[in-house]
Full PDB file with SEQRES, HELIX, SHEET, SSBOND, CRYST1, ORIGX, SCALE, CONECT and MASTER records, all heavy atoms in Angstrom:
SEQRES   1 A   32  ALA ALA VAL ASN ARG ARG LEU VAL GLU HIS GLY ILE ASP          
SEQRES   2 A   32  VAL HIS ALA ILE GLY ALA VAL GLU GLY ASP LEU ASP SER          
SEQRES   3 A   32  ILE PHE MET ASP LEU ILE                                      
HELIX    1 AA1 ALA A    2  GLU A    9  1                                   8    
HELIX    2 AA2 LEU A   24  LEU A   31  1                                   8    
CRYST1    1.000    1.000    1.000  90.00  90.00  90.00 P 1           1          
ORIGX1      1.000000  0.000000  0.000000        0.00000                         
ORIGX2      0.000000  1.000000  0.000000        0.00000                         
ORIGX3      0.000000  0.000000  1.000000        0.00000                         
SCALE1      1.000000  0.000000  0.000000        0.00000                         
SCALE2      0.000000  1.000000  0.000000        0.00000                         
SCALE3      0.000000  0.000000  1.000000        0.00000                         
ATOM      1  N   ALA A   1     171.950 167.286 103.381  1.00  0.00           N  
ATOM      2  CA  ALA A   1     173.298 166.732 103.127  1.00  0.00           C  
ATOM      3  C   ALA A   1     174.358 167.807 103.386  1.00  0.00           C  
ATOM      4  O   ALA A   1     175.367 167.566 104.007  1.00  0.00           O  
ATOM      5  CB  ALA A   1     173.402 166.199 101.717  1.00  0.00           C  
ATOM      6  N   ALA A   2     174.048 169.024 102.949  1.00  0.00           N  
ATOM      7  CA  ALA A   2     174.993 170.181 103.141  1.00  0.00           C  
ATOM      8  C   ALA A   2     175.177 170.455 104.655  1.00  0.00           C  
ATOM      9  O   ALA A   2     176.269 170.753 105.158  1.00  0.00           O  
ATOM     10  CB  ALA A   2     174.571 171.411 102.396  1.00  0.00           C  
ATOM     11  N   VAL A   3     174.074 170.440 105.409  1.00  0.00           N  
ATOM     12  CA  VAL A   3     174.149 170.659 106.858  1.00  0.00           C  
ATOM     13  C   VAL A   3     174.956 169.577 107.504  1.00  0.00           C  
ATOM     14  O   VAL A   3     175.843 169.901 108.305  1.00  0.00           O  
ATOM     15  CB  VAL A   3     172.696 170.762 107.446  1.00  0.00           C  
ATOM     16  CG1 VAL A   3     172.738 170.622 108.925  1.00  0.00           C  
ATOM     17  CG2 VAL A   3     172.003 172.003 107.028  1.00  0.00           C  
ATOM     18  N   ASN A   4     174.712 168.339 107.168  1.00  0.00           N  
ATOM     19  CA  ASN A   4     175.466 167.248 107.707  1.00  0.00           C  
ATOM     20  C   ASN A   4     176.966 167.380 107.380  1.00  0.00           C  
ATOM     21  O   ASN A   4     177.818 167.281 108.255  1.00  0.00           O  
ATOM     22  CB  ASN A   4     174.958 165.928 107.151  1.00  0.00           C  
ATOM     23  CG  ASN A   4     175.681 164.708 107.710  1.00  0.00           C  
ATOM     24  OD1 ASN A   4     175.797 164.557 108.918  1.00  0.00           O  
ATOM     25  ND2 ASN A   4     176.170 163.879 106.849  1.00  0.00           N  
ATOM     26  N   ARG A   5     177.270 167.685 106.130  1.00  0.00           N  
ATOM     27  CA  ARG A   5     178.656 167.854 105.735  1.00  0.00           C  
ATOM     28  C   ARG A   5     179.336 169.002 106.524  1.00  0.00           C  
ATOM     29  O   ARG A   5     180.462 168.822 107.007  1.00  0.00           O  
ATOM     30  CB  ARG A   5     178.695 168.128 104.226  1.00  0.00           C  
ATOM     31  CG  ARG A   5     180.083 168.205 103.602  1.00  0.00           C  
ATOM     32  CD  ARG A   5     180.066 168.230 102.065  1.00  0.00           C  
ATOM     33  NE  ARG A   5     179.017 169.043 101.496  1.00  0.00           N  
ATOM     34  CZ  ARG A   5     177.914 168.543 100.937  1.00  0.00           C  
ATOM     35  NH1 ARG A   5     177.627 167.244 100.903  1.00  0.00           N  
ATOM     36  NH2 ARG A   5     177.010 169.376 100.373  1.00  0.00           N  
ATOM     37  N   ARG A   6     178.633 170.097 106.698  1.00  0.00           N  
ATOM     38  CA  ARG A   6     179.219 171.244 107.426  1.00  0.00           C  
ATOM     39  C   ARG A   6     179.542 170.834 108.865  1.00  0.00           C  
ATOM     40  O   ARG A   6     180.611 171.179 109.387  1.00  0.00           O  
ATOM     41  CB  ARG A   6     178.265 172.434 107.406  1.00  0.00           C  
ATOM     42  CG  ARG A   6     178.811 173.649 108.083  1.00  0.00           C  
ATOM     43  CD  ARG A   6     178.047 174.854 107.752  1.00  0.00           C  
ATOM     44  NE  ARG A   6     178.664 176.045 108.324  1.00  0.00           N  
ATOM     45  CZ  ARG A   6     179.620 176.735 107.806  1.00  0.00           C  
ATOM     46  NH1 ARG A   6     180.143 176.380 106.656  1.00  0.00           N  
ATOM     47  NH2 ARG A   6     180.130 177.807 108.382  1.00  0.00           N  
ATOM     48  N   LEU A   7     178.630 170.163 109.507  1.00  0.00           N  
ATOM     49  CA  LEU A   7     178.843 169.724 110.886  1.00  0.00           C  
ATOM     50  C   LEU A   7     180.069 168.783 110.975  1.00  0.00           C  
ATOM     51  O   LEU A   7     180.932 168.998 111.850  1.00  0.00           O  
ATOM     52  CB  LEU A   7     177.584 169.064 111.474  1.00  0.00           C  
ATOM     53  CG  LEU A   7     176.407 169.983 111.727  1.00  0.00           C  
ATOM     54  CD1 LEU A   7     175.163 169.169 111.994  1.00  0.00           C  
ATOM     55  CD2 LEU A   7     176.708 171.005 112.768  1.00  0.00           C  
ATOM     56  N   VAL A   8     180.121 167.838 110.090  1.00  0.00           N  
ATOM     57  CA  VAL A   8     181.239 166.853 110.098  1.00  0.00           C  
ATOM     58  C   VAL A   8     182.587 167.546 109.827  1.00  0.00           C  
ATOM     59  O   VAL A   8     183.574 167.300 110.469  1.00  0.00           O  
ATOM     60  CB  VAL A   8     180.970 165.678 109.145  1.00  0.00           C  
ATOM     61  CG1 VAL A   8     182.174 164.786 108.970  1.00  0.00           C  
ATOM     62  CG2 VAL A   8     179.744 164.876 109.624  1.00  0.00           C  
ATOM     63  N   GLU A   9     182.558 168.479 108.875  1.00  0.00           N  
ATOM     64  CA  GLU A   9     183.802 169.238 108.565  1.00  0.00           C  
ATOM     65  C   GLU A   9     184.256 170.011 109.693  1.00  0.00           C  
ATOM     66  O   GLU A   9     185.490 170.341 109.839  1.00  0.00           O  
ATOM     67  CB  GLU A   9     183.514 170.152 107.342  1.00  0.00           C  
ATOM     68  CG  GLU A   9     183.452 169.433 106.024  1.00  0.00           C  
ATOM     69  CD  GLU A   9     183.023 170.295 104.865  1.00  0.00           C  
ATOM     70  OE1 GLU A   9     182.620 171.478 105.117  1.00  0.00           O  
ATOM     71  OE2 GLU A   9     183.087 169.825 103.723  1.00  0.00           O  
ATOM     72  N   HIS A  10     183.379 170.408 110.647  1.00  0.00           N  
ATOM     73  CA  HIS A  10     183.775 171.134 111.821  1.00  0.00           C  
ATOM     74  C   HIS A  10     183.967 170.236 113.062  1.00  0.00           C  
ATOM     75  O   HIS A  10     184.029 170.690 114.147  1.00  0.00           O  
ATOM     76  CB  HIS A  10     182.694 172.220 112.145  1.00  0.00           C  
ATOM     77  CG  HIS A  10     182.799 173.416 111.230  1.00  0.00           C  
ATOM     78  ND1 HIS A  10     182.267 173.446 109.981  1.00  0.00           N  
ATOM     79  CD2 HIS A  10     183.415 174.593 111.396  1.00  0.00           C  
ATOM     80  CE1 HIS A  10     182.515 174.578 109.415  1.00  0.00           C  
ATOM     81  NE2 HIS A  10     183.250 175.298 110.260  1.00  0.00           N  
ATOM     82  N   GLY A  11     184.157 168.975 112.755  1.00  0.00           N  
ATOM     83  CA  GLY A  11     184.500 168.032 113.822  1.00  0.00           C  
ATOM     84  C   GLY A  11     183.337 167.626 114.715  1.00  0.00           C  
ATOM     85  O   GLY A  11     183.525 167.115 115.813  1.00  0.00           O  
ATOM     86  N   ILE A  12     182.131 167.826 114.266  1.00  0.00           N  
ATOM     87  CA  ILE A  12     180.952 167.473 115.084  1.00  0.00           C  
ATOM     88  C   ILE A  12     180.379 166.186 114.531  1.00  0.00           C  
ATOM     89  O   ILE A  12     179.998 166.064 113.349  1.00  0.00           O  
ATOM     90  CB  ILE A  12     179.884 168.612 114.995  1.00  0.00           C  
ATOM     91  CG1 ILE A  12     180.528 169.896 115.595  1.00  0.00           C  
ATOM     92  CG2 ILE A  12     178.597 168.227 115.729  1.00  0.00           C  
ATOM     93  CD1 ILE A  12     179.743 171.135 115.329  1.00  0.00           C  
ATOM     94  N   ASP A  13     180.318 165.167 115.417  1.00  0.00           N  
ATOM     95  CA  ASP A  13     179.734 163.900 115.006  1.00  0.00           C  
ATOM     96  C   ASP A  13     178.228 163.974 114.849  1.00  0.00           C  
ATOM     97  O   ASP A  13     177.538 164.519 115.720  1.00  0.00           O  
ATOM     98  CB  ASP A  13     180.026 162.815 116.065  1.00  0.00           C  
ATOM     99  CG  ASP A  13     181.553 162.507 116.136  1.00  0.00           C  
ATOM    100  OD1 ASP A  13     182.266 162.741 115.144  1.00  0.00           O  
ATOM    101  OD2 ASP A  13     181.989 162.094 117.219  1.00  0.00           O  
ATOM    102  N   VAL A  14     177.705 163.455 113.782  1.00  0.00           N  
ATOM    103  CA  VAL A  14     176.281 163.358 113.542  1.00  0.00           C  
ATOM    104  C   VAL A  14     175.863 161.897 113.689  1.00  0.00           C  
ATOM    105  O   VAL A  14     176.369 161.022 112.966  1.00  0.00           O  
ATOM    106  CB  VAL A  14     175.943 163.885 112.142  1.00  0.00           C  
ATOM    107  CG1 VAL A  14     174.461 163.770 111.862  1.00  0.00           C  
ATOM    108  CG2 VAL A  14     176.393 165.346 111.963  1.00  0.00           C  
ATOM    109  N   HIS A  15     174.986 161.656 114.624  1.00  0.00           N  
ATOM    110  CA  HIS A  15     174.628 160.279 114.948  1.00  0.00           C  
ATOM    111  C   HIS A  15     173.369 159.847 114.171  1.00  0.00           C  
ATOM    112  O   HIS A  15     173.168 158.659 113.974  1.00  0.00           O  
ATOM    113  CB  HIS A  15     174.401 160.095 116.428  1.00  0.00           C  
ATOM    114  CG  HIS A  15     175.692 160.312 117.203  1.00  0.00           C  
ATOM    115  ND1 HIS A  15     176.660 159.342 117.334  1.00  0.00           N  
ATOM    116  CD2 HIS A  15     176.186 161.404 117.782  1.00  0.00           C  
ATOM    117  CE1 HIS A  15     177.720 159.805 118.011  1.00  0.00           C  
ATOM    118  NE2 HIS A  15     177.456 161.033 118.290  1.00  0.00           N  
ATOM    119  N   ALA A  16     172.511 160.822 113.791  1.00  0.00           N  
ATOM    120  CA  ALA A  16     171.269 160.467 113.129  1.00  0.00           C  
ATOM    121  C   ALA A  16     170.677 161.724 112.516  1.00  0.00           C  
ATOM    122  O   ALA A  16     170.811 162.815 113.043  1.00  0.00           O  
ATOM    123  CB  ALA A  16     170.253 159.803 114.053  1.00  0.00           C  
ATOM    124  N   ILE A  17     170.032 161.519 111.381  1.00  0.00           N  
ATOM    125  CA  ILE A  17     169.284 162.626 110.715  1.00  0.00           C  
ATOM    126  C   ILE A  17     167.950 161.992 110.325  1.00  0.00           C  
ATOM    127  O   ILE A  17     167.870 160.924 109.732  1.00  0.00           O  
ATOM    128  CB  ILE A  17     169.991 163.176 109.465  1.00  0.00           C  
ATOM    129  CG1 ILE A  17     171.367 163.768 109.850  1.00  0.00           C  
ATOM    130  CG2 ILE A  17     169.085 164.103 108.729  1.00  0.00           C  
ATOM    131  CD1 ILE A  17     172.139 164.233 108.648  1.00  0.00           C  
ATOM    132  N   GLY A  18     166.891 162.739 110.660  1.00  0.00           N  
ATOM    133  CA  GLY A  18     165.554 162.168 110.291  1.00  0.00           C  
ATOM    134  C   GLY A  18     164.490 163.256 110.402  1.00  0.00           C  
ATOM    135  O   GLY A  18     164.670 164.305 111.082  1.00  0.00           O  
ATOM    136  N   ALA A  19     163.405 162.994 109.790  1.00  0.00           N  
ATOM    137  CA  ALA A  19     162.201 163.923 109.864  1.00  0.00           C  
ATOM    138  C   ALA A  19     161.437 163.536 111.139  1.00  0.00           C  
ATOM    139  O   ALA A  19     161.330 162.405 111.528  1.00  0.00           O  
ATOM    140  CB  ALA A  19     161.359 163.700 108.642  1.00  0.00           C  
ATOM    141  N   VAL A  20     160.975 164.621 111.772  1.00  0.00           N  
ATOM    142  CA  VAL A  20     160.191 164.396 113.010  1.00  0.00           C  
ATOM    143  C   VAL A  20     158.861 165.044 112.749  1.00  0.00           C  
ATOM    144  O   VAL A  20     158.774 166.250 112.372  1.00  0.00           O  
ATOM    145  CB  VAL A  20     160.902 165.037 114.188  1.00  0.00           C  
ATOM    146  CG1 VAL A  20     160.039 164.957 115.442  1.00  0.00           C  
ATOM    147  CG2 VAL A  20     162.220 164.421 114.427  1.00  0.00           C  
ATOM    148  N   GLU A  21     157.828 164.316 113.007  1.00  0.00           N  
ATOM    149  CA  GLU A  21     156.421 164.871 112.900  1.00  0.00           C  
ATOM    150  C   GLU A  21     156.085 165.508 114.256  1.00  0.00           C  
ATOM    151  O   GLU A  21     156.235 164.874 115.279  1.00  0.00           O  
ATOM    152  CB  GLU A  21     155.444 163.751 112.593  1.00  0.00           C  
ATOM    153  CG  GLU A  21     155.645 163.097 111.271  1.00  0.00           C  
ATOM    154  CD  GLU A  21     155.400 164.017 110.050  1.00  0.00           C  
ATOM    155  OE1 GLU A  21     154.465 164.852 110.167  1.00  0.00           O  
ATOM    156  OE2 GLU A  21     156.124 163.859 109.054  1.00  0.00           O  
ATOM    157  N   GLY A  22     155.718 166.758 114.251  1.00  0.00           N  
ATOM    158  CA  GLY A  22     155.377 167.434 115.490  1.00  0.00           C  
ATOM    159  C   GLY A  22     153.880 167.255 115.792  1.00  0.00           C  
ATOM    160  O   GLY A  22     153.072 167.157 114.882  1.00  0.00           O  
ATOM    161  N   ASP A  23     153.581 167.212 117.050  1.00  0.00           N  
ATOM    162  CA  ASP A  23     152.219 167.244 117.498  1.00  0.00           C  
ATOM    163  C   ASP A  23     151.664 168.694 117.416  1.00  0.00           C  
ATOM    164  O   ASP A  23     152.453 169.633 117.286  1.00  0.00           O  
ATOM    165  CB  ASP A  23     151.999 166.604 118.867  1.00  0.00           C  
ATOM    166  CG  ASP A  23     152.800 167.319 119.948  1.00  0.00           C  
ATOM    167  OD1 ASP A  23     152.847 168.554 119.901  1.00  0.00           O  
ATOM    168  OD2 ASP A  23     153.251 166.684 120.840  1.00  0.00           O  
ATOM    169  N   LEU A  24     150.429 168.882 117.512  1.00  0.00           N  
ATOM    170  CA  LEU A  24     149.820 170.248 117.370  1.00  0.00           C  
ATOM    171  C   LEU A  24     150.367 171.177 118.427  1.00  0.00           C  
ATOM    172  O   LEU A  24     150.578 172.322 118.114  1.00  0.00           O  
ATOM    173  CB  LEU A  24     148.302 170.154 117.409  1.00  0.00           C  
ATOM    174  CG  LEU A  24     147.651 169.541 116.173  1.00  0.00           C  
ATOM    175  CD1 LEU A  24     146.168 169.452 116.326  1.00  0.00           C  
ATOM    176  CD2 LEU A  24     148.024 170.288 114.889  1.00  0.00           C  
ATOM    177  N   ASP A  25     150.510 170.699 119.606  1.00  0.00           N  
ATOM    178  CA  ASP A  25     151.040 171.590 120.671  1.00  0.00           C  
ATOM    179  C   ASP A  25     152.438 172.082 120.333  1.00  0.00           C  
ATOM    180  O   ASP A  25     152.773 173.241 120.505  1.00  0.00           O  
ATOM    181  CB  ASP A  25     151.105 170.871 122.024  1.00  0.00           C  
ATOM    182  CG  ASP A  25     149.703 170.650 122.622  1.00  0.00           C  
ATOM    183  OD1 ASP A  25     148.789 171.373 122.224  1.00  0.00           O  
ATOM    184  OD2 ASP A  25     149.579 169.675 123.427  1.00  0.00           O  
ATOM    185  N   SER A  26     153.340 171.199 119.873  1.00  0.00           N  
ATOM    186  CA  SER A  26     154.686 171.574 119.519  1.00  0.00           C  
ATOM    187  C   SER A  26     154.686 172.563 118.372  1.00  0.00           C  
ATOM    188  O   SER A  26     155.428 173.533 118.366  1.00  0.00           O  
ATOM    189  CB  SER A  26     155.522 170.348 119.153  1.00  0.00           C  
ATOM    190  OG  SER A  26     155.656 169.528 120.279  1.00  0.00           O  
ATOM    191  N   ILE A  27     153.843 172.293 117.325  1.00  0.00           N  
ATOM    192  CA  ILE A  27     153.792 173.189 116.192  1.00  0.00           C  
ATOM    193  C   ILE A  27     153.329 174.590 116.625  1.00  0.00           C  
ATOM    194  O   ILE A  27     153.917 175.584 116.254  1.00  0.00           O  
ATOM    195  CB  ILE A  27     152.902 172.608 115.095  1.00  0.00           C  
ATOM    196  CG1 ILE A  27     153.497 171.295 114.539  1.00  0.00           C  
ATOM    197  CG2 ILE A  27     152.620 173.607 113.986  1.00  0.00           C  
ATOM    198  CD1 ILE A  27     152.572 170.493 113.677  1.00  0.00           C  
ATOM    199  N   PHE A  28     152.279 174.642 117.446  1.00  0.00           N  
ATOM    200  CA  PHE A  28     151.751 175.895 117.965  1.00  0.00           C  
ATOM    201  C   PHE A  28     152.822 176.653 118.717  1.00  0.00           C  
ATOM    202  O   PHE A  28     153.057 177.833 118.485  1.00  0.00           O  
ATOM    203  CB  PHE A  28     150.522 175.652 118.821  1.00  0.00           C  
ATOM    204  CG  PHE A  28     149.993 176.933 119.412  1.00  0.00           C  
ATOM    205  CD1 PHE A  28     149.269 177.822 118.648  1.00  0.00           C  
ATOM    206  CD2 PHE A  28     150.237 177.212 120.755  1.00  0.00           C  
ATOM    207  CE1 PHE A  28     148.748 178.981 119.165  1.00  0.00           C  
ATOM    208  CE2 PHE A  28     149.732 178.402 121.313  1.00  0.00           C  
ATOM    209  CZ  PHE A  28     148.981 179.242 120.517  1.00  0.00           C  
ATOM    210  N   MET A  29     153.546 175.961 119.609  1.00  0.00           N  
ATOM    211  CA  MET A  29     154.613 176.642 120.443  1.00  0.00           C  
ATOM    212  C   MET A  29     155.731 177.102 119.495  1.00  0.00           C  
ATOM    213  O   MET A  29     156.263 178.181 119.757  1.00  0.00           O  
ATOM    214  CB  MET A  29     155.086 175.692 121.489  1.00  0.00           C  
ATOM    215  CG  MET A  29     154.060 175.402 122.579  1.00  0.00           C  
ATOM    216  SD  MET A  29     153.286 176.877 123.280  1.00  0.00           S  
ATOM    217  CE  MET A  29     154.682 177.496 124.159  1.00  0.00           C  
ATOM    218  N   ASP A  30     156.070 176.311 118.486  1.00  0.00           N  
ATOM    219  CA  ASP A  30     157.093 176.773 117.544  1.00  0.00           C  
ATOM    220  C   ASP A  30     156.662 178.068 116.828  1.00  0.00           C  
ATOM    221  O   ASP A  30     157.477 178.967 116.653  1.00  0.00           O  
ATOM    222  CB  ASP A  30     157.414 175.709 116.545  1.00  0.00           C  
ATOM    223  CG  ASP A  30     158.160 174.527 117.120  1.00  0.00           C  
ATOM    224  OD1 ASP A  30     158.716 174.677 118.221  1.00  0.00           O  
ATOM    225  OD2 ASP A  30     158.222 173.477 116.454  1.00  0.00           O  
ATOM    226  N   LEU A  31     155.416 178.101 116.440  1.00  0.00           N  
ATOM    227  CA  LEU A  31     154.928 179.310 115.764  1.00  0.00           C  
ATOM    228  C   LEU A  31     154.939 180.515 116.652  1.00  0.00           C  
ATOM    229  O   LEU A  31     155.385 181.576 116.290  1.00  0.00           O  
ATOM    230  CB  LEU A  31     153.500 179.060 115.225  1.00  0.00           C  
ATOM    231  CG  LEU A  31     153.374 178.154 114.014  1.00  0.00           C  
ATOM    232  CD1 LEU A  31     151.928 177.853 113.723  1.00  0.00           C  
ATOM    233  CD2 LEU A  31     154.087 178.741 112.789  1.00  0.00           C  
ATOM    234  N   ILE A  32     154.434 180.388 117.880  1.00  0.00           N  
ATOM    235  CA  ILE A  32     154.412 181.443 118.815  1.00  0.00           C  
ATOM    236  C   ILE A  32     155.861 181.873 119.177  1.00  0.00           C  
ATOM    237  O   ILE A  32     156.114 183.064 119.242  1.00  0.00           O  
ATOM    238  CB  ILE A  32     153.664 181.026 120.120  1.00  0.00           C  
ATOM    239  CG1 ILE A  32     152.207 180.712 119.811  1.00  0.00           C  
ATOM    240  CG2 ILE A  32     153.729 182.056 121.170  1.00  0.00           C  
ATOM    241  CD1 ILE A  32     151.446 181.797 119.152  1.00  0.00           C  
TER     242      ILE A  32                                                      
MASTER        0    0    0    2    0    0    0    6  241    1    0    3          
END                                                                             
């Protein structure tokens, strides 16, 4: 909520917020 509020306060439109489940390849690449 704080991240959303900060973006909106700075004039940045937020169209959606949600959790994303990563596949193993994405998780591995993120770690690396």
